[in-house]
C-alpha atoms as a PDB file:
ATOM      1  CA  UNK A   1     -15.607  -2.987   4.840  1.00  0.00           C
ATOM      2  CA  UNK A   2     -12.140  -4.992   5.125  1.00  0.00           C
ATOM      3  CA  UNK A   3      -8.972  -5.572   2.525  1.00  0.00           C
ATOM      4  CA  UNK A   4      -9.450  -8.337  -0.302  1.00  0.00           C
ATOM      5  CA  UNK A   5      -7.263 -10.139  -1.918  1.00  0.00           C
ATOM      6  CA  UNK A   6      -9.297 -10.763  -5.146  1.00  0.00           C
ATOM      7  CA  UNK A   7      -9.032  -7.951  -7.670  1.00  0.00           C
ATOM      8  CA  UNK A   8     -12.307  -7.268  -8.978  1.00  0.00           C
ATOM      9  CA  UNK A   9     -13.068  -6.213 -12.156  1.00  0.00           C
ATOM     10  CA  UNK A  10     -16.277  -3.822 -12.049  1.00  0.00           C
ATOM     11  CA  UNK A  11     -19.007  -4.230 -14.287  1.00  0.00           C
ATOM     12  CA  UNK A  12     -20.599  -0.986 -16.018  1.00  0.00           C
ATOM     13  CA  UNK A  13     -23.271  -0.840 -13.069  1.00  0.00           C
ATOM     14  CA  UNK A  14     -20.667  -1.060 -10.296  1.00  0.00           C
ATOM     15  CA  UNK A  15     -18.612   1.833 -12.007  1.00  0.00           C
ATOM     16  CA  UNK A  16     -21.171   3.814 -12.039  1.00  0.00           C
ATOM     17  CA  UNK A  17     -21.667   3.287  -8.412  1.00  0.00           C
ATOM     18  CA  UNK A  18     -17.541   4.218  -7.858  1.00  0.00           C
ATOM     19  CA  UNK A  19     -18.087   7.190 -10.092  1.00  0.00           C
ATOM     20  CA  UNK A  20     -21.040   8.649  -7.574  1.00  0.00           C
ATOM     21  CA  UNK A  21     -19.012   7.620  -4.529  1.00  0.00           C
ATOM     22  CA  UNK A  22     -15.894   8.988  -6.102  1.00  0.00           C
ATOM     23  CA  UNK A  23     -17.862  12.500  -6.982  1.00  0.00           C
ATOM     24  CA  UNK A  24     -18.577  12.837  -3.273  1.00  0.00           C
ATOM     25  CA  UNK A  25     -15.150  12.297  -2.015  1.00  0.00           C
ATOM     26  CA  UNK A  26     -13.858  14.629  -3.954  1.00  0.00           C
ATOM     27  CA  UNK A  27     -16.348  17.277  -3.374  1.00  0.00           C
ATOM     28  CA  UNK A  28     -15.936  17.135   0.398  1.00  0.00           C
ATOM     29  CA  UNK A  29     -11.962  16.727   0.133  1.00  0.00           C
ATOM     30  CA  UNK A  30     -12.742  20.346  -1.947  1.00  0.00           C
ATOM     31  CA  UNK A  31     -14.632  21.639   0.955  1.00  0.00           C
ATOM     32  CA  UNK A  32     -12.271  20.522   3.684  1.00  0.00           C
ATOM     33  CA  UNK A  33      -9.089  21.866   2.083  1.00  0.00           C
ATOM     34  CA  UNK A  34     -11.248  25.515   1.467  1.00  0.00           C
ATOM     35  CA  UNK A  35     -12.549  25.022   4.810  1.00  0.00           C
ATOM     36  CA  UNK A  36      -8.158  25.297   5.881  1.00  0.00           C
ATOM     37  CA  UNK A  37      -7.335  28.548   7.818  1.00  0.00           C
ATOM     38  CA  UNK A  38      -4.908  29.550  10.244  1.00  0.00           C
ATOM     39  CA  UNK A  39      -6.251  28.980  14.033  1.00  0.00           C
ATOM     40  CA  UNK A  40      -8.806  26.354  13.339  1.00  0.00           C
ATOM     41  CA  UNK A  41      -7.831  22.863  14.800  1.00  0.00           C
ATOM     42  CA  UNK A  42      -7.871  18.975  12.859  1.00  0.00           C
ATOM     43  CA  UNK A  43     -11.105  18.182  15.203  1.00  0.00           C
ATOM     44  CA  UNK A  44     -13.144  21.286  13.880  1.00  0.00           C
ATOM     45  CA  UNK A  45     -12.121  20.354  10.158  1.00  0.00           C
ATOM     46  CA  UNK A  46     -13.247  16.757  11.187  1.00  0.00           C
ATOM     47  CA  UNK A  47     -16.313  17.875  12.260  1.00  0.00           C
ATOM     48  CA  UNK A  48     -16.885  20.405   9.155  1.00  0.00           C
ATOM     49  CA  UNK A  49     -16.465  16.737   7.127  1.00  0.00           C
ATOM     50  CA  UNK A  50     -18.759  15.431   8.982  1.00  0.00           C
ATOM     51  CA  UNK A  51     -21.607  18.376   8.416  1.00  0.00           C
ATOM     52  CA  UNK A  52     -20.199  17.598   4.720  1.00  0.00           C
ATOM     53  CA  UNK A  53     -20.462  13.966   3.986  1.00  0.00           C
ATOM     54  CA  UNK A  54     -24.092  14.280   5.958  1.00  0.00           C
ATOM     55  CA  UNK A  55     -25.166  16.690   3.172  1.00  0.00           C
ATOM     56  CA  UNK A  56     -24.265  14.948   0.553  1.00  0.00           C
ATOM     57  CA  UNK A  57     -26.064  11.730   1.634  1.00  0.00           C
ATOM     58  CA  UNK A  58     -22.955  10.075   2.170  1.00  0.00           C
ATOM     59  CA  UNK A  59     -20.694   8.823   5.370  1.00  0.00           C
ATOM     60  CA  UNK A  60     -17.440   8.095   6.347  1.00  0.00           C
ATOM     61  CA  UNK A  61     -15.581   4.861   5.538  1.00  0.00           C
ATOM     62  CA  UNK A  62     -12.908   5.914   7.741  1.00  0.00           C
ATOM     63  CA  UNK A  63     -15.161   5.867  10.908  1.00  0.00           C
ATOM     64  CA  UNK A  64     -14.642   2.672  12.545  1.00  0.00           C
ATOM     65  CA  UNK A  65     -12.439   1.089  10.340  1.00  0.00           C
ATOM     66  CA  UNK A  66     -10.132  -1.288  12.791  1.00  0.00           C
ATOM     67  CA  UNK A  67     -11.630   1.075  15.261  1.00  0.00           C
ATOM     68  CA  UNK A  68     -10.544   4.351  13.670  1.00  0.00           C
ATOM     69  CA  UNK A  69     -11.764   6.802  15.645  1.00  0.00           C
ATOM     70  CA  UNK A  70     -12.896  10.074  13.725  1.00  0.00           C
ATOM     71  CA  UNK A  71     -14.031  10.492  10.183  1.00  0.00           C
ATOM     72  CA  UNK A  72     -11.631  12.201   8.247  1.00  0.00           C
ATOM     73  CA  UNK A  73      -7.582  11.722   8.125  1.00  0.00           C
ATOM     74  CA  UNK A  74      -5.828  14.799   8.923  1.00  0.00           C
ATOM     75  CA  UNK A  75      -1.934  15.007   8.432  1.00  0.00           C
ATOM     76  CA  UNK A  76      -0.021  17.981   9.524  1.00  0.00           C
ATOM     77  CA  UNK A  77       3.640  18.804   9.036  1.00  0.00           C
ATOM     78  CA  UNK A  78       5.648  15.740   9.494  1.00  0.00           C
ATOM     79  CA  UNK A  79       2.782  13.116  10.090  1.00  0.00           C
ATOM     80  CA  UNK A  80       3.085  11.153   6.719  1.00  0.00           C
ATOM     81  CA  UNK A  81      -0.564   9.452   6.765  1.00  0.00           C
ATOM     82  CA  UNK A  82      -3.888   8.262   8.820  1.00  0.00           C
ATOM     83  CA  UNK A  83      -3.114  11.650  11.159  1.00  0.00           C
ATOM     84  CA  UNK A  84      -6.105  11.778  13.911  1.00  0.00           C
ATOM     85  CA  UNK A  85      -8.011  14.931  13.888  1.00  0.00           C
ATOM     86  CA  UNK A  86      -7.313  16.583  17.432  1.00  0.00           C
ATOM     87  CA  UNK A  87      -8.822  20.073  18.987  1.00  0.00           C
ATOM     88  CA  UNK A  88      -4.681  20.443  20.355  1.00  0.00           C
ATOM     89  CA  UNK A  89      -3.613  20.806  16.843  1.00  0.00           C
ATOM     90  CA  UNK A  90      -4.319  23.920  15.356  1.00  0.00           C
ATOM     91  CA  UNK A  91      -2.959  24.534  12.170  1.00  0.00           C
ATOM     92  CA  UNK A  92      -0.843  27.763  11.267  1.00  0.00           C
ATOM     93  CA  UNK A  93       0.294  29.656   8.418  1.00  0.00           C
ATOM     94  CA  UNK A  94       3.003  27.894   6.971  1.00  0.00           C
ATOM     95  CA  UNK A  95       2.095  24.154   7.811  1.00  0.00           C
ATOM     96  CA  UNK A  96       1.513  21.410   5.152  1.00  0.00           C
ATOM     97  CA  UNK A  97      -2.348  19.429   5.361  1.00  0.00           C
ATOM     98  CA  UNK A  98      -2.602  16.519   4.397  1.00  0.00           C
ATOM     99  CA  UNK A  99      -5.960  15.549   4.358  1.00  0.00           C
ATOM    100  CA  UNK A 100      -7.683  12.025   3.184  1.00  0.00           C
ATOM    101  CA  UNK A 101     -11.113  11.679   2.779  1.00  0.00           C
ATOM    102  CA  UNK A 102     -13.069   8.419   2.321  1.00  0.00           C
ATOM    103  CA  UNK A 103     -16.749   8.149   2.181  1.00  0.00           C
ATOM    104  CA  UNK A 104     -19.207   5.302   1.277  1.00  0.00           C
ATOM    105  CA  UNK A 105     -22.261   6.118  -0.816  1.00  0.00           C
ATOM    106  CA  UNK A 106     -24.504   3.585  -1.790  1.00  0.00           C
ATOM    107  CA  UNK A 107     -22.141   0.517  -1.095  1.00  0.00           C
ATOM    108  CA  UNK A 108     -19.867   1.455  -3.211  1.00  0.00           C
ATOM    109  CA  UNK A 109     -16.306   3.966  -1.731  1.00  0.00           C
ATOM    110  CA  UNK A 110     -14.885   6.895  -2.931  1.00  0.00           C
ATOM    111  CA  UNK A 111     -11.100   8.099  -1.315  1.00  0.00           C
ATOM    112  CA  UNK A 112      -8.497  10.439  -2.393  1.00  0.00           C
ATOM    113  CA  UNK A 113      -6.022  13.230  -1.018  1.00  0.00           C
ATOM    114  CA  UNK A 114      -4.482  15.955  -1.283  1.00  0.00           C
ATOM    115  CA  UNK A 115      -1.934  18.029   0.664  1.00  0.00           C
ATOM    116  CA  UNK A 116      -2.232  21.863   0.793  1.00  0.00           C
ATOM    117  CA  UNK A 117      -0.406  24.664   2.532  1.00  0.00           C
ATOM    118  CA  UNK A 118      -1.877  27.348   5.569  1.00  0.00           C
ATOM    119  CA  UNK A 119      -1.094  30.391   3.650  1.00  0.00           C
ATOM    120  CA  UNK A 120       1.427  31.092   1.172  1.00  0.00           C
ATOM    121  CA  UNK A 121       3.927  28.571   2.007  1.00  0.00           C
ATOM    122  CA  UNK A 122       7.290  28.905   1.081  1.00  0.00           C
ATOM    123  CA  UNK A 123       9.037  27.427  -2.126  1.00  0.00           C
ATOM    124  CA  UNK A 124      10.426  24.677  -0.650  1.00  0.00           C
ATOM    125  CA  UNK A 125       7.061  23.913   0.386  1.00  0.00           C
ATOM    126  CA  UNK A 126       5.344  24.833  -2.807  1.00  0.00           C
ATOM    127  CA  UNK A 127       7.507  22.776  -4.894  1.00  0.00           C
ATOM    128  CA  UNK A 128       6.816  19.973  -2.535  1.00  0.00           C
ATOM    129  CA  UNK A 129       3.541  19.907  -3.823  1.00  0.00           C
ATOM    130  CA  UNK A 130       4.029  20.706  -6.787  1.00  0.00           C
ATOM    131  CA  UNK A 131       6.253  17.871  -7.553  1.00  0.00           C
ATOM    132  CA  UNK A 132       3.870  15.173  -5.301  1.00  0.00           C
ATOM    133  CA  UNK A 133       0.998  15.929  -7.362  1.00  0.00           C
ATOM    134  CA  UNK A 134       3.130  15.329 -10.761  1.00  0.00           C
ATOM    135  CA  UNK A 135       3.614  12.514  -9.186  1.00  0.00           C
ATOM    136  CA  UNK A 136       0.042  10.804  -9.006  1.00  0.00           C
ATOM    137  CA  UNK A 137      -0.497  12.380 -12.837  1.00  0.00           C
ATOM    138  CA  UNK A 138       2.898  10.071 -13.928  1.00  0.00           C
ATOM    139  CA  UNK A 139       1.245   7.409 -12.309  1.00  0.00           C
ATOM    140  CA  UNK A 140      -1.742   7.975 -13.939  1.00  0.00           C
ATOM    141  CA  UNK A 141      -0.381   8.142 -16.975  1.00  0.00           C
ATOM    142  CA  UNK A 142       0.826   5.049 -16.643  1.00  0.00           C
ATOM    143  CA  UNK A 143      -2.824   3.219 -15.330  1.00  0.00           C
ATOM    144  CA  UNK A 144      -3.301   1.839 -19.185  1.00  0.00           C
ATOM    145  CA  UNK A 145      -4.554  -1.262 -19.587  1.00  0.00           C
ATOM    146  CA  UNK A 146      -2.044  -4.039 -20.746  1.00  0.00           C
ATOM    147  CA  UNK A 147       0.810  -1.995 -18.497  1.00  0.00           C
ATOM    148  CA  UNK A 148       1.841  -3.510 -15.478  1.00  0.00           C
ATOM    149  CA  UNK A 149       1.209  -2.176 -11.491  1.00  0.00           C
ATOM    150  CA  UNK A 150       5.150  -1.681 -11.535  1.00  0.00           C
ATOM    151  CA  UNK A 151       4.285   1.185 -14.356  1.00  0.00           C
ATOM    152  CA  UNK A 152       2.434   2.769 -12.112  1.00  0.00           C
ATOM    153  CA  UNK A 153       5.362   2.479  -9.019  1.00  0.00           C
ATOM    154  CA  UNK A 154       8.309   3.324 -11.534  1.00  0.00           C
ATOM    155  CA  UNK A 155       6.466   6.487 -13.051  1.00  0.00           C
ATOM    156  CA  UNK A 156       5.503   7.257  -9.378  1.00  0.00           C
ATOM    157  CA  UNK A 157       9.474   6.857  -8.255  1.00  0.00           C
ATOM    158  CA  UNK A 158      10.803   8.660 -10.750  1.00  0.00           C
ATOM    159  CA  UNK A 159       9.688  12.010 -10.030  1.00  0.00           C
ATOM    160  CA  UNK A 160      10.830  11.489  -6.661  1.00  0.00           C
ATOM    161  CA  UNK A 161      14.273  10.191  -7.698  1.00  0.00           C
ATOM    162  CA  UNK A 162      14.450  13.224 -10.124  1.00  0.00           C
ATOM    163  CA  UNK A 163      13.029  16.044  -7.118  1.00  0.00           C
ATOM    164  CA  UNK A 164      15.363  13.581  -4.141  1.00  0.00           C
ATOM    165  CA  UNK A 165      12.248  12.558  -2.162  1.00  0.00           C
ATOM    166  CA  UNK A 166      12.248   9.917   0.098  1.00  0.00           C
ATOM    167  CA  UNK A 167       9.598   7.612  -1.017  1.00  0.00           C
ATOM    168  CA  UNK A 168       7.910   5.918   2.147  1.00  0.00           C
ATOM    169  CA  UNK A 169       7.848   1.887   1.608  1.00  0.00           C
ATOM    170  CA  UNK A 170       5.430   0.726   3.950  1.00  0.00           C
ATOM    171  CA  UNK A 171       2.293   2.112   3.049  1.00  0.00           C
ATOM    172  CA  UNK A 172       0.967   1.630  -0.829  1.00  0.00           C
ATOM    173  CA  UNK A 173      -2.267   2.635  -3.470  1.00  0.00           C
ATOM    174  CA  UNK A 174      -3.892  -0.233  -3.422  1.00  0.00           C
ATOM    175  CA  UNK A 175      -7.481  -1.590  -5.481  1.00  0.00           C
ATOM    176  CA  UNK A 176     -10.993   0.492  -3.882  1.00  0.00           C
ATOM    177  CA  UNK A 177     -14.520   0.837  -5.261  1.00  0.00           C
ATOM    178  CA  UNK A 178     -16.873  -1.825  -3.237  1.00  0.00           C
ATOM    179  CA  UNK A 179     -14.092  -2.238  -0.190  1.00  0.00           C
ATOM    180  CA  UNK A 180     -11.998   0.621   0.822  1.00  0.00           C
ATOM    181  CA  UNK A 181      -9.088  -2.003   0.298  1.00  0.00           C
ATOM    182  CA  UNK A 182      -8.831  -4.424  -2.439  1.00  0.00           C
ATOM    183  CA  UNK A 183      -5.858  -5.856  -4.606  1.00  0.00           C
ATOM    184  CA  UNK A 184      -3.597  -5.170  -6.178  1.00  0.00           C
ATOM    185  CA  UNK A 185      -1.610  -3.236  -3.994  1.00  0.00           C
ATOM    186  CA  UNK A 186       0.254  -0.299  -5.411  1.00  0.00           C
ATOM    187  CA  UNK A 187       3.477   0.466  -4.634  1.00  0.00           C
ATOM    188  CA  UNK A 188       5.273   3.979  -4.679  1.00  0.00           C
ATOM    189  CA  UNK A 189       8.488   2.632  -6.096  1.00  0.00           C
ATOM    190  CA  UNK A 190       9.854  -0.451  -8.159  1.00  0.00           C
ATOM    191  CA  UNK A 191      10.643  -1.494 -11.575  1.00  0.00           C
ATOM    192  CA  UNK A 192       8.590  -1.189 -14.344  1.00  0.00           C
ATOM    193  CA  UNK A 193       7.336  -4.390 -16.248  1.00  0.00           C
ATOM    194  CA  UNK A 194       6.252  -6.172 -13.599  1.00  0.00           C
ATOM    195  CA  UNK A 195       3.906  -7.012 -11.184  1.00  0.00           C
ATOM    196  CA  UNK A 196       0.011  -7.790 -12.631  1.00  0.00           C
ATOM    197  CA  UNK A 197      -1.218  -6.753 -16.123  1.00  0.00           C
ATOM    198  CA  UNK A 198      -3.707  -3.468 -16.068  1.00  0.00           C
ATOM    199  CA  UNK A 199      -7.254  -4.738 -17.053  1.00  0.00           C
ATOM    200  CA  UNK A 200     -10.323  -2.359 -18.010  1.00  0.00           C
ATOM    201  CA  UNK A 201     -12.535  -2.070 -14.835  1.00  0.00           C
ATOM    202  CA  UNK A 202      -9.964  -2.191 -12.422  1.00  0.00           C
ATOM    203  CA  UNK A 203     -10.487   0.572  -9.786  1.00  0.00           C
ATOM    204  CA  UNK A 204      -7.107   2.229  -8.240  1.00  0.00           C
ATOM    205  CA  UNK A 205      -6.317   4.545  -5.872  1.00  0.00           C
ATOM    206  CA  UNK A 206      -2.731   5.760  -6.606  1.00  0.00           C
ATOM    207  CA  UNK A 207      -1.236   7.938  -3.522  1.00  0.00           C
ATOM    208  CA  UNK A 208       2.737   9.177  -3.711  1.00  0.00           C
ATOM    209  CA  UNK A 209       3.808   9.595  -0.402  1.00  0.00           C
ATOM    210  CA  UNK A 210       6.702  11.389  -0.254  1.00  0.00           C
ATOM    211  CA  UNK A 211       9.189  12.908   2.875  1.00  0.00           C
ATOM    212  CA  UNK A 212      11.660  15.790   2.441  1.00  0.00           C
ATOM    213  CA  UNK A 213      14.108  13.676   4.010  1.00  0.00           C
ATOM    214  CA  UNK A 214      14.900   9.952   5.716  1.00  0.00           C
ATOM    215  CA  UNK A 215      11.995   7.245   4.596  1.00  0.00           C
ATOM    216  CA  UNK A 216      11.783   5.572   7.662  1.00  0.00           C
ATOM    217  CA  UNK A 217       8.514   6.376   9.868  1.00  0.00           C
ATOM    218  CA  UNK A 218       6.992   6.126  12.908  1.00  0.00           C
ATOM    219  CA  UNK A 219       3.903   5.117  14.531  1.00  0.00           C
ATOM    220  CA  UNK A 220       2.116   7.093  16.827  1.00  0.00           C
ATOM    221  CA  UNK A 221       2.939   6.001  20.572  1.00  0.00           C
ATOM    222  CA  UNK A 222      -0.504   7.561  22.084  1.00  0.00           C
ATOM    223  CA  UNK A 223      -2.832   7.723  18.926  1.00  0.00           C
ATOM    224  CA  UNK A 224      -1.679   4.351  17.226  1.00  0.00           C
ATOM    225  CA  UNK A 225      -2.232   5.827  14.342  1.00  0.00           C
ATOM    226  CA  UNK A 226      -0.488   9.053  13.249  1.00  0.00           C
ATOM    227  CA  UNK A 227       2.030   7.922  10.889  1.00  0.00           C
ATOM    228  CA  UNK A 228       5.474  10.088  11.153  1.00  0.00           C
ATOM    229  CA  UNK A 229       8.813  10.870   9.311  1.00  0.00           C
ATOM    230  CA  UNK A 230      11.235   9.208  11.906  1.00  0.00           C
ATOM    231  CA  UNK A 231      13.768  12.424  11.477  1.00  0.00           C
ATOM    232  CA  UNK A 232      10.502  14.945  11.851  1.00  0.00           C
ATOM    233  CA  UNK A 233      11.065  15.676   7.975  1.00  0.00           C
ATOM    234  CA  UNK A 234       8.069  17.479   6.173  1.00  0.00           C
ATOM    235  CA  UNK A 235       5.879  15.060   4.570  1.00  0.00           C
ATOM    236  CA  UNK A 236       3.527  15.279   1.571  1.00  0.00           C
ATOM    237  CA  UNK A 237       0.785  13.004   0.527  1.00  0.00           C
ATOM    238  CA  UNK A 238      -1.889  13.065  -2.873  1.00  0.00           C
ATOM    239  CA  UNK A 239      -4.194  10.585  -4.182  1.00  0.00           C
ATOM    240  CA  UNK A 240      -6.528  10.205  -6.952  1.00  0.00           C
ATOM    241  CA  UNK A 241      -9.339   7.222  -7.555  1.00  0.00           C
ATOM    242  CA  UNK A 242      -9.056   6.132 -11.519  1.00  0.00           C
ATOM    243  CA  UNK A 243     -10.721   3.219 -13.632  1.00  0.00           C
ATOM    244  CA  UNK A 244      -8.491   1.421 -16.010  1.00  0.00           C
ATOM    245  CA  UNK A 245     -10.036   2.333 -19.780  1.00  0.00           C
ATOM    246  CA  UNK A 246     -10.083  -0.113 -22.644  1.00  0.00           C
ATOM    247  CA  UNK A 247      -7.540  -0.238 -25.268  1.00  0.00           C
ATOM    248  CA  UNK A 248      -4.533   1.734 -23.190  1.00  0.00           C
ATOM    249  CA  UNK A 249      -6.694   4.528 -23.201  1.00  0.00           C
ATOM    250  CA  UNK A 250      -6.083   7.357 -20.328  1.00  0.00           C
ATOM    251  CA  UNK A 251      -7.273   6.263 -16.885  1.00  0.00           C
ATOM    252  CA  UNK A 252     -10.645   7.896 -15.897  1.00  0.00           C
ATOM    253  CA  UNK A 253     -10.155   9.820 -12.532  1.00  0.00           C
ATOM    254  CA  UNK A 254     -13.075   8.887 -10.249  1.00  0.00           C
ATOM    255  CA  UNK A 255     -12.444  11.718  -7.856  1.00  0.00           C
ATOM    256  CA  UNK A 256     -12.139  14.788  -9.959  1.00  0.00           C
ATOM    257  CA  UNK A 257      -9.798  17.796  -7.720  1.00  0.00           C
END
């Protein structure tokens, strides 16, 4: 499944396929988040995800994607996204863990992510996660027919700026559903009222990626995948897949929490 520049308006049958794939992805993510605990490695979590996908009758859309070597992306603390699970990364109390699940099911793709904190966390890290979720929901609320992609971007950015978060620019939300990455791209920053007009039947992944420091990032030289904050500050990532509905109504969330 490769990125396409075509904006695909899904038919009712395709939307049903996206719903089914989204439900699978959401359930795997739920199970993964519940399995997070001190002492477990990210590789053990990835193995758990594989078993969960097999039990649900779906498979990873990440594995083999441009050569990606794992079933899921698990990014810890200063890792923003694309963290490659490893037996050497063992979770401990206070760690921030972003889990990104993308599944393939009967010709469709479901994609979602969430950041959880091992143990109770601190007031700062709990607030960071809560406001990243707030930004995600603000973006979803702006994803209405007749609005533009820029309205989503601006809604996400507004929450980030209010909370003084760094906004990663190099990675963005995207269309989804038939392929993992479809047009349009959805930045987490920018002015309202610009970009592609949102139409019913568009399936989008909205995914804020914030830092508690500089927005600058670097890619791991060892695994060539994991994206870290350049200054070592904590990162938070959250994602839902949604469908734009008719008549300016609220979007349908295809990967419910």
